[in-house]
Amino acid sequence: APERPRGTAGLFHVAFLYPDRAALGAVLQRLLQLGIPLGSADHGVSEALYLSDPEGNGIELYADRPRDAWPVAGEGGVAMYTDSLAFAPLLDEGRKASADVMPPATRIGHIHLSVASLANAERFYADLLGFAVTQRSYPGALFLARGAYHHHIGTNVWRSRAPAQPGVLGLDRFTVALDEPEWKIIVQRLDVEGRIRSREGEAVLASDFDGIGVAVAPRDVR
């Protein structure tokens, strides 16, 4: 596949949530030993490492801070920020864990998308898919979540102003799995808006307003 053109919508990064700081500190030590180029940040709600896979897809490795330590703004909102990450205490914590194997409790914590329009992103992910906006004060970005999490979906226009291009390297689709009663309501909304591309069994493949593929499925279907 050809490379994704600059300035187009698509994946910004996929974020793997580690179960604790010790696990994140251990993988930091491993990355440093291997000489892997990486970035890092303290976001208040979490501590994060950033790198890219061989095809240029962004990856975040992060561990959440305790929920009662998250900086908050407004009702149910968060006030994430970007500050420098202190490596020394994280590496000290990492000595309690092994970096040889990814911890079984590690999971995808959120996905962050490059989009062409924050307004259209809000219309799709909030109005149609039912995610709540958790932060809109971060410059050039919009964050959304369910269940009072800081964000399950991040969107930004920092590097993108054009729609996604089909058939290029990068994200093809991601899946949002919902309880069946809500799934039926959301599929109906997507159908009314003309956002459905196809159906694959019980899963419905839709596209957001920037052409990013989103599969919407009942919770027991992946």
C-alpha atoms as a PDB file:
ATOM      1  CA  ALA A   1       0.000   0.000   0.000  1.00  0.00           C
ATOM      2  CA  PRO A   2       1.188   3.567  -0.601  1.00  0.00           C
ATOM      3  CA  GLU A   3       2.093   5.807   2.305  1.00  0.00           C
ATOM      4  CA  ARG A   4      -0.665   7.905   3.812  1.00  0.00           C
ATOM      5  CA  PRO A   5      -0.496  11.406   2.324  1.00  0.00           C
ATOM      6  CA  ARG A   6       0.519  14.179   4.679  1.00  0.00           C
ATOM      7  CA  GLY A   7      -2.298  16.273   6.088  1.00  0.00           C
ATOM      8  CA  THR A   8      -4.987  13.602   5.765  1.00  0.00           C
ATOM      9  CA  ALA A   9      -7.260  12.158   8.443  1.00  0.00           C
ATOM     10  CA  GLY A  10      -6.499   8.777   9.995  1.00  0.00           C
ATOM     11  CA  LEU A  11      -4.678   7.307  12.963  1.00  0.00           C
ATOM     12  CA  PHE A  12      -2.779   9.645  15.265  1.00  0.00           C
ATOM     13  CA  HIS A  13      -1.967   6.839  17.697  1.00  0.00           C
ATOM     14  CA  VAL A  14      -3.377   3.723  19.290  1.00  0.00           C
ATOM     15  CA  ALA A  15      -2.833   3.714  23.053  1.00  0.00           C
ATOM     16  CA  PHE A  16      -2.029   0.621  25.119  1.00  0.00           C
ATOM     17  CA  LEU A  17      -3.029   1.009  28.763  1.00  0.00           C
ATOM     18  CA  TYR A  18      -0.649  -0.730  31.173  1.00  0.00           C
ATOM     19  CA  PRO A  19      -2.061  -1.956  34.504  1.00  0.00           C
ATOM     20  CA  ASP A  20       0.259   0.139  36.697  1.00  0.00           C
ATOM     21  CA  ARG A  21       3.308   2.395  36.821  1.00  0.00           C
ATOM     22  CA  ALA A  22       5.640  -0.532  37.501  1.00  0.00           C
ATOM     23  CA  ALA A  23       4.701  -2.158  34.187  1.00  0.00           C
ATOM     24  CA  LEU A  24       5.122   1.133  32.326  1.00  0.00           C
ATOM     25  CA  GLY A  25       8.474   1.772  34.012  1.00  0.00           C
ATOM     26  CA  ALA A  26       9.671  -1.688  33.010  1.00  0.00           C
ATOM     27  CA  VAL A  27       8.807  -1.184  29.351  1.00  0.00           C
ATOM     28  CA  LEU A  28      10.472   2.248  29.450  1.00  0.00           C
ATOM     29  CA  GLN A  29      13.674   0.575  30.637  1.00  0.00           C
ATOM     30  CA  ARG A  30      13.406  -1.966  27.804  1.00  0.00           C
ATOM     31  CA  LEU A  31      12.877   0.723  25.154  1.00  0.00           C
ATOM     32  CA  LEU A  32      15.872   2.691  26.425  1.00  0.00           C
ATOM     33  CA  GLN A  33      18.063  -0.412  26.418  1.00  0.00           C
ATOM     34  CA  LEU A  34      17.049  -1.167  22.823  1.00  0.00           C
ATOM     35  CA  GLY A  35      17.693   2.415  21.730  1.00  0.00           C
ATOM     36  CA  ILE A  36      14.145   2.897  20.437  1.00  0.00           C
ATOM     37  CA  PRO A  37      13.404   6.573  19.661  1.00  0.00           C
ATOM     38  CA  LEU A  38      10.545   7.715  21.867  1.00  0.00           C
ATOM     39  CA  GLY A  39       8.743  10.716  23.243  1.00  0.00           C
ATOM     40  CA  SER A  40       7.070  11.103  26.594  1.00  0.00           C
ATOM     41  CA  ALA A  41       4.566  13.252  28.457  1.00  0.00           C
ATOM     42  CA  ASP A  42       2.822  13.743  31.771  1.00  0.00           C
ATOM     43  CA  HIS A  43      -0.860  14.413  30.997  1.00  0.00           C
ATOM     44  CA  GLY A  44      -2.077  14.768  34.578  1.00  0.00           C
ATOM     45  CA  VAL A  45      -4.485  11.858  34.192  1.00  0.00           C
ATOM     46  CA  SER A  46      -1.697   9.577  32.978  1.00  0.00           C
ATOM     47  CA  GLU A  47       1.986   9.118  32.220  1.00  0.00           C
ATOM     48  CA  ALA A  48       2.734   8.268  28.597  1.00  0.00           C
ATOM     49  CA  LEU A  49       5.441   7.086  26.210  1.00  0.00           C
ATOM     50  CA  TYR A  50       5.209   7.614  22.448  1.00  0.00           C
ATOM     51  CA  LEU A  51       6.810   5.761  19.560  1.00  0.00           C
ATOM     52  CA  SER A  52       6.017   4.580  16.026  1.00  0.00           C
ATOM     53  CA  ASP A  53       5.839   1.146  14.464  1.00  0.00           C
ATOM     54  CA  PRO A  54       7.872   0.341  11.302  1.00  0.00           C
ATOM     55  CA  GLU A  55       5.062   1.614   9.041  1.00  0.00           C
ATOM     56  CA  GLY A  56       4.792   4.935  10.872  1.00  0.00           C
ATOM     57  CA  ASN A  57       1.680   4.214  12.927  1.00  0.00           C
ATOM     58  CA  GLY A  58       1.700   6.118  16.193  1.00  0.00           C
ATOM     59  CA  ILE A  59       1.740   4.113  19.436  1.00  0.00           C
ATOM     60  CA  GLU A  60       1.197   5.342  22.976  1.00  0.00           C
ATOM     61  CA  LEU A  61       2.085   3.245  26.020  1.00  0.00           C
ATOM     62  CA  TYR A  62       0.568   4.668  29.190  1.00  0.00           C
ATOM     63  CA  ALA A  63      -0.516   4.109  32.766  1.00  0.00           C
ATOM     64  CA  ASP A  64      -3.348   5.988  34.425  1.00  0.00           C
ATOM     65  CA  ARG A  65      -3.005   7.881  37.647  1.00  0.00           C
ATOM     66  CA  PRO A  66      -5.613   7.124  40.337  1.00  0.00           C
ATOM     67  CA  ARG A  67      -8.946   8.617  39.313  1.00  0.00           C
ATOM     68  CA  ASP A  68      -9.106  10.915  42.348  1.00  0.00           C
ATOM     69  CA  ALA A  69      -5.829  12.514  41.201  1.00  0.00           C
ATOM     70  CA  TRP A  70      -7.079  13.488  37.729  1.00  0.00           C
ATOM     71  CA  PRO A  71      -7.233  17.259  37.134  1.00  0.00           C
ATOM     72  CA  VAL A  72     -10.883  18.127  36.584  1.00  0.00           C
ATOM     73  CA  ALA A  73     -12.765  20.882  34.773  1.00  0.00           C
ATOM     74  CA  GLY A  74     -16.514  21.378  34.871  1.00  0.00           C
ATOM     75  CA  GLU A  75     -19.032  18.636  35.514  1.00  0.00           C
ATOM     76  CA  GLY A  76     -17.579  15.277  34.548  1.00  0.00           C
ATOM     77  CA  GLY A  77     -14.785  16.856  32.528  1.00  0.00           C
ATOM     78  CA  VAL A  78     -11.025  16.589  32.797  1.00  0.00           C
ATOM     79  CA  ALA A  79      -8.234  19.112  32.335  1.00  0.00           C
ATOM     80  CA  MET A  80      -5.514  17.103  30.623  1.00  0.00           C
ATOM     81  CA  TYR A  81      -2.290  18.915  29.839  1.00  0.00           C
ATOM     82  CA  THR A  82       1.130  18.065  28.443  1.00  0.00           C
ATOM     83  CA  ASP A  83       4.156  18.405  30.699  1.00  0.00           C
ATOM     84  CA  SER A  84       7.558  16.758  30.810  1.00  0.00           C
ATOM     85  CA  LEU A  85       7.671  13.229  32.204  1.00  0.00           C
ATOM     86  CA  ALA A  86      10.123  12.429  35.002  1.00  0.00           C
ATOM     87  CA  PHE A  87      11.946   9.241  33.943  1.00  0.00           C
ATOM     88  CA  ALA A  88      13.866   8.522  37.168  1.00  0.00           C
ATOM     89  CA  PRO A  89      10.901   7.735  39.468  1.00  0.00           C
ATOM     90  CA  LEU A  90       9.185   5.775  36.683  1.00  0.00           C
ATOM     91  CA  LEU A  91      12.307   3.681  36.115  1.00  0.00           C
ATOM     92  CA  ASP A  92      12.611   3.090  39.877  1.00  0.00           C
ATOM     93  CA  GLU A  93       9.030   1.837  39.897  1.00  0.00           C
ATOM     94  CA  GLY A  94       9.795  -0.340  36.886  1.00  0.00           C
ATOM     95  CA  ARG A  95      12.289  -2.436  38.839  1.00  0.00           C
ATOM     96  CA  LYS A  96       9.278  -4.101  40.488  1.00  0.00           C
ATOM     97  CA  ALA A  97       8.095  -5.607  37.179  1.00  0.00           C
ATOM     98  CA  SER A  98       9.410  -7.528  34.183  1.00  0.00           C
ATOM     99  CA  ALA A  99       9.593  -5.978  30.725  1.00  0.00           C
ATOM    100  CA  ASP A 100      10.115  -9.310  28.947  1.00  0.00           C
ATOM    101  CA  VAL A 101       6.385  -9.965  28.492  1.00  0.00           C
ATOM    102  CA  MET A 102       3.521  -7.510  28.102  1.00  0.00           C
ATOM    103  CA  PRO A 103       1.346  -7.820  31.254  1.00  0.00           C
ATOM    104  CA  PRO A 104      -1.844  -9.835  30.589  1.00  0.00           C
ATOM    105  CA  ALA A 105      -3.983  -6.974  31.918  1.00  0.00           C
ATOM    106  CA  THR A 106      -2.686  -4.575  29.233  1.00  0.00           C
ATOM    107  CA  ARG A 107      -5.432  -3.438  26.862  1.00  0.00           C
ATOM    108  CA  ILE A 108      -6.205  -0.743  24.338  1.00  0.00           C
ATOM    109  CA  GLY A 109      -7.183   2.210  26.500  1.00  0.00           C
ATOM    110  CA  HIS A 110      -8.022   4.708  23.775  1.00  0.00           C
ATOM    111  CA  ILE A 111      -7.595   5.578  20.134  1.00  0.00           C
ATOM    112  CA  HIS A 112      -6.528   9.028  18.966  1.00  0.00           C
ATOM    113  CA  LEU A 113      -7.475  10.194  15.492  1.00  0.00           C
ATOM    114  CA  SER A 114      -6.257  12.893  13.145  1.00  0.00           C
ATOM    115  CA  VAL A 115      -9.385  14.525  11.717  1.00  0.00           C
ATOM    116  CA  ALA A 116     -10.172  17.336   9.311  1.00  0.00           C
ATOM    117  CA  SER A 117     -12.849  18.954  11.498  1.00  0.00           C
ATOM    118  CA  LEU A 118     -13.420  18.876  15.256  1.00  0.00           C
ATOM    119  CA  ALA A 119     -17.032  19.916  14.727  1.00  0.00           C
ATOM    120  CA  ASN A 120     -17.653  16.940  12.461  1.00  0.00           C
ATOM    121  CA  ALA A 121     -15.810  14.657  14.880  1.00  0.00           C
ATOM    122  CA  GLU A 122     -18.104  15.796  17.686  1.00  0.00           C
ATOM    123  CA  ARG A 123     -21.149  15.328  15.490  1.00  0.00           C
ATOM    124  CA  PHE A 124     -20.171  11.725  14.708  1.00  0.00           C
ATOM    125  CA  TYR A 125     -18.643  10.431  17.952  1.00  0.00           C
ATOM    126  CA  ALA A 126     -20.843  12.369  20.374  1.00  0.00           C
ATOM    127  CA  ASP A 127     -24.157  12.952  18.588  1.00  0.00           C
ATOM    128  CA  LEU A 128     -24.291   9.650  16.665  1.00  0.00           C
ATOM    129  CA  LEU A 129     -22.198   7.204  18.690  1.00  0.00           C
ATOM    130  CA  GLY A 130     -23.112   8.591  22.104  1.00  0.00           C
ATOM    131  CA  PHE A 131     -19.694   9.414  23.580  1.00  0.00           C
ATOM    132  CA  ALA A 132     -19.571  12.333  26.018  1.00  0.00           C
ATOM    133  CA  VAL A 133     -17.177  15.221  25.421  1.00  0.00           C
ATOM    134  CA  THR A 134     -14.744  15.236  28.343  1.00  0.00           C
ATOM    135  CA  GLN A 135     -12.436  18.061  27.239  1.00  0.00           C
ATOM    136  CA  ARG A 136     -12.679  20.690  24.535  1.00  0.00           C
ATOM    137  CA  SER A 137     -10.212  23.211  26.022  1.00  0.00           C
ATOM    138  CA  TYR A 138      -7.053  21.515  24.735  1.00  0.00           C
ATOM    139  CA  PRO A 139      -5.918  23.551  21.685  1.00  0.00           C
ATOM    140  CA  GLY A 140      -6.841  21.877  18.415  1.00  0.00           C
ATOM    141  CA  ALA A 141      -8.238  18.752  20.056  1.00  0.00           C
ATOM    142  CA  LEU A 142     -11.446  17.190  21.337  1.00  0.00           C
ATOM    143  CA  PHE A 143     -11.639  14.261  23.757  1.00  0.00           C
ATOM    144  CA  LEU A 144     -14.605  11.932  24.308  1.00  0.00           C
ATOM    145  CA  ALA A 145     -15.395   8.995  26.577  1.00  0.00           C
ATOM    146  CA  ARG A 146     -17.979   6.781  28.235  1.00  0.00           C
ATOM    147  CA  GLY A 147     -18.277   5.815  31.874  1.00  0.00           C
ATOM    148  CA  ALA A 148     -16.466   8.878  33.278  1.00  0.00           C
ATOM    149  CA  TYR A 149     -13.101   7.873  31.772  1.00  0.00           C
ATOM    150  CA  HIS A 150     -10.769  10.693  30.711  1.00  0.00           C
ATOM    151  CA  HIS A 151     -11.013   9.672  27.043  1.00  0.00           C
ATOM    152  CA  HIS A 152     -11.638   6.620  24.911  1.00  0.00           C
ATOM    153  CA  ILE A 153     -11.455   8.644  21.697  1.00  0.00           C
ATOM    154  CA  GLY A 154      -9.181  11.593  21.064  1.00  0.00           C
ATOM    155  CA  THR A 155      -9.366  13.740  17.942  1.00  0.00           C
ATOM    156  CA  ASN A 156      -7.152  16.561  16.731  1.00  0.00           C
ATOM    157  CA  VAL A 157      -6.472  18.756  13.705  1.00  0.00           C
ATOM    158  CA  TRP A 158      -2.783  19.341  14.448  1.00  0.00           C
ATOM    159  CA  ARG A 159      -1.575  17.623  11.267  1.00  0.00           C
ATOM    160  CA  SER A 160      -4.717  17.108   9.221  1.00  0.00           C
ATOM    161  CA  ARG A 161      -7.108  19.182   7.192  1.00  0.00           C
ATOM    162  CA  ALA A 162      -8.160  16.698   4.475  1.00  0.00           C
ATOM    163  CA  PRO A 163     -10.303  13.538   4.580  1.00  0.00           C
ATOM    164  CA  ALA A 164      -8.857  10.044   4.980  1.00  0.00           C
ATOM    165  CA  GLN A 165      -7.563   8.373   1.819  1.00  0.00           C
ATOM    166  CA  PRO A 166      -8.655   4.768   1.146  1.00  0.00           C
ATOM    167  CA  GLY A 167      -6.126   2.023   0.456  1.00  0.00           C
ATOM    168  CA  VAL A 168      -3.123   3.656   2.142  1.00  0.00           C
ATOM    169  CA  LEU A 169      -0.969   2.494   5.046  1.00  0.00           C
ATOM    170  CA  GLY A 170      -2.458   3.082   8.464  1.00  0.00           C
ATOM    171  CA  LEU A 171      -5.805   2.584  10.152  1.00  0.00           C
ATOM    172  CA  ASP A 172      -8.455   0.659   8.228  1.00  0.00           C
ATOM    173  CA  ARG A 173     -11.086   0.598  10.979  1.00  0.00           C
ATOM    174  CA  PHE A 174     -11.621   0.207  14.690  1.00  0.00           C
ATOM    175  CA  THR A 175     -14.554  -1.329  16.550  1.00  0.00           C
ATOM    176  CA  VAL A 176     -16.921   0.178  19.092  1.00  0.00           C
ATOM    177  CA  ALA A 177     -18.705  -2.655  20.941  1.00  0.00           C
ATOM    178  CA  LEU A 178     -21.972  -1.775  22.696  1.00  0.00           C
ATOM    179  CA  ASP A 179     -24.693  -3.465  24.704  1.00  0.00           C
ATOM    180  CA  GLU A 180     -27.321  -4.677  22.249  1.00  0.00           C
ATOM    181  CA  PRO A 181     -30.185  -2.263  23.122  1.00  0.00           C
ATOM    182  CA  GLU A 182     -27.939   0.756  22.598  1.00  0.00           C
ATOM    183  CA  TRP A 183     -26.306  -0.841  19.560  1.00  0.00           C
ATOM    184  CA  LYS A 184     -29.697  -1.028  17.827  1.00  0.00           C
ATOM    185  CA  ILE A 185     -30.399   2.656  18.538  1.00  0.00           C
ATOM    186  CA  ILE A 186     -27.009   3.765  17.236  1.00  0.00           C
ATOM    187  CA  VAL A 187     -27.243   1.645  14.091  1.00  0.00           C
ATOM    188  CA  GLN A 188     -30.588   3.327  13.377  1.00  0.00           C
ATOM    189  CA  ARG A 189     -28.998   6.769  13.835  1.00  0.00           C
ATOM    190  CA  LEU A 190     -26.140   5.864  11.488  1.00  0.00           C
ATOM    191  CA  ASP A 191     -28.592   4.559   8.919  1.00  0.00           C
ATOM    192  CA  VAL A 192     -30.670   7.750   8.998  1.00  0.00           C
ATOM    193  CA  GLU A 193     -27.474   9.810   8.545  1.00  0.00           C
ATOM    194  CA  GLY A 194     -26.311   7.634   5.642  1.00  0.00           C
ATOM    195  CA  ARG A 195     -23.069   6.705   7.398  1.00  0.00           C
ATOM    196  CA  ILE A 196     -23.286   2.913   6.957  1.00  0.00           C
ATOM    197  CA  ARG A 197     -20.894   1.411   4.381  1.00  0.00           C
ATOM    198  CA  SER A 198     -21.738  -2.272   4.777  1.00  0.00           C
ATOM    199  CA  ARG A 199     -22.840  -4.983   7.201  1.00  0.00           C
ATOM    200  CA  GLU A 200     -20.598  -7.861   8.271  1.00  0.00           C
ATOM    201  CA  GLY A 201     -22.731 -10.310  10.214  1.00  0.00           C
ATOM    202  CA  GLU A 202     -24.109  -8.360  13.156  1.00  0.00           C
ATOM    203  CA  ALA A 203     -21.415  -5.701  12.917  1.00  0.00           C
ATOM    204  CA  VAL A 204     -22.134  -2.540  10.934  1.00  0.00           C
ATOM    205  CA  LEU A 205     -19.228  -0.848   9.180  1.00  0.00           C
ATOM    206  CA  ALA A 206     -19.709   2.909   9.145  1.00  0.00           C
ATOM    207  CA  SER A 207     -17.477   5.854   8.323  1.00  0.00           C
ATOM    208  CA  ASP A 208     -17.128   9.100  10.204  1.00  0.00           C
ATOM    209  CA  PHE A 209     -17.328  12.429   8.385  1.00  0.00           C
ATOM    210  CA  ASP A 210     -13.612  12.222   7.532  1.00  0.00           C
ATOM    211  CA  GLY A 211     -13.865   8.755   5.984  1.00  0.00           C
ATOM    212  CA  ILE A 212     -12.359   6.837   8.935  1.00  0.00           C
ATOM    213  CA  GLY A 213     -13.839   3.335   9.249  1.00  0.00           C
ATOM    214  CA  VAL A 214     -15.708   2.527  12.456  1.00  0.00           C
ATOM    215  CA  ALA A 215     -17.316  -0.880  13.023  1.00  0.00           C
ATOM    216  CA  VAL A 216     -20.243  -0.803  15.469  1.00  0.00           C
ATOM    217  CA  ALA A 217     -21.044  -4.205  16.955  1.00  0.00           C
ATOM    218  CA  PRO A 218     -22.980  -5.825  19.799  1.00  0.00           C
ATOM    219  CA  ARG A 219     -20.667  -6.314  22.756  1.00  0.00           C
ATOM    220  CA  ASP A 220     -20.217 -10.082  22.278  1.00  0.00           C
ATOM    221  CA  VAL A 221     -19.205  -9.680  18.601  1.00  0.00           C
ATOM    222  CA  ARG A 222     -15.700  -8.553  17.547  1.00  0.00           C
END
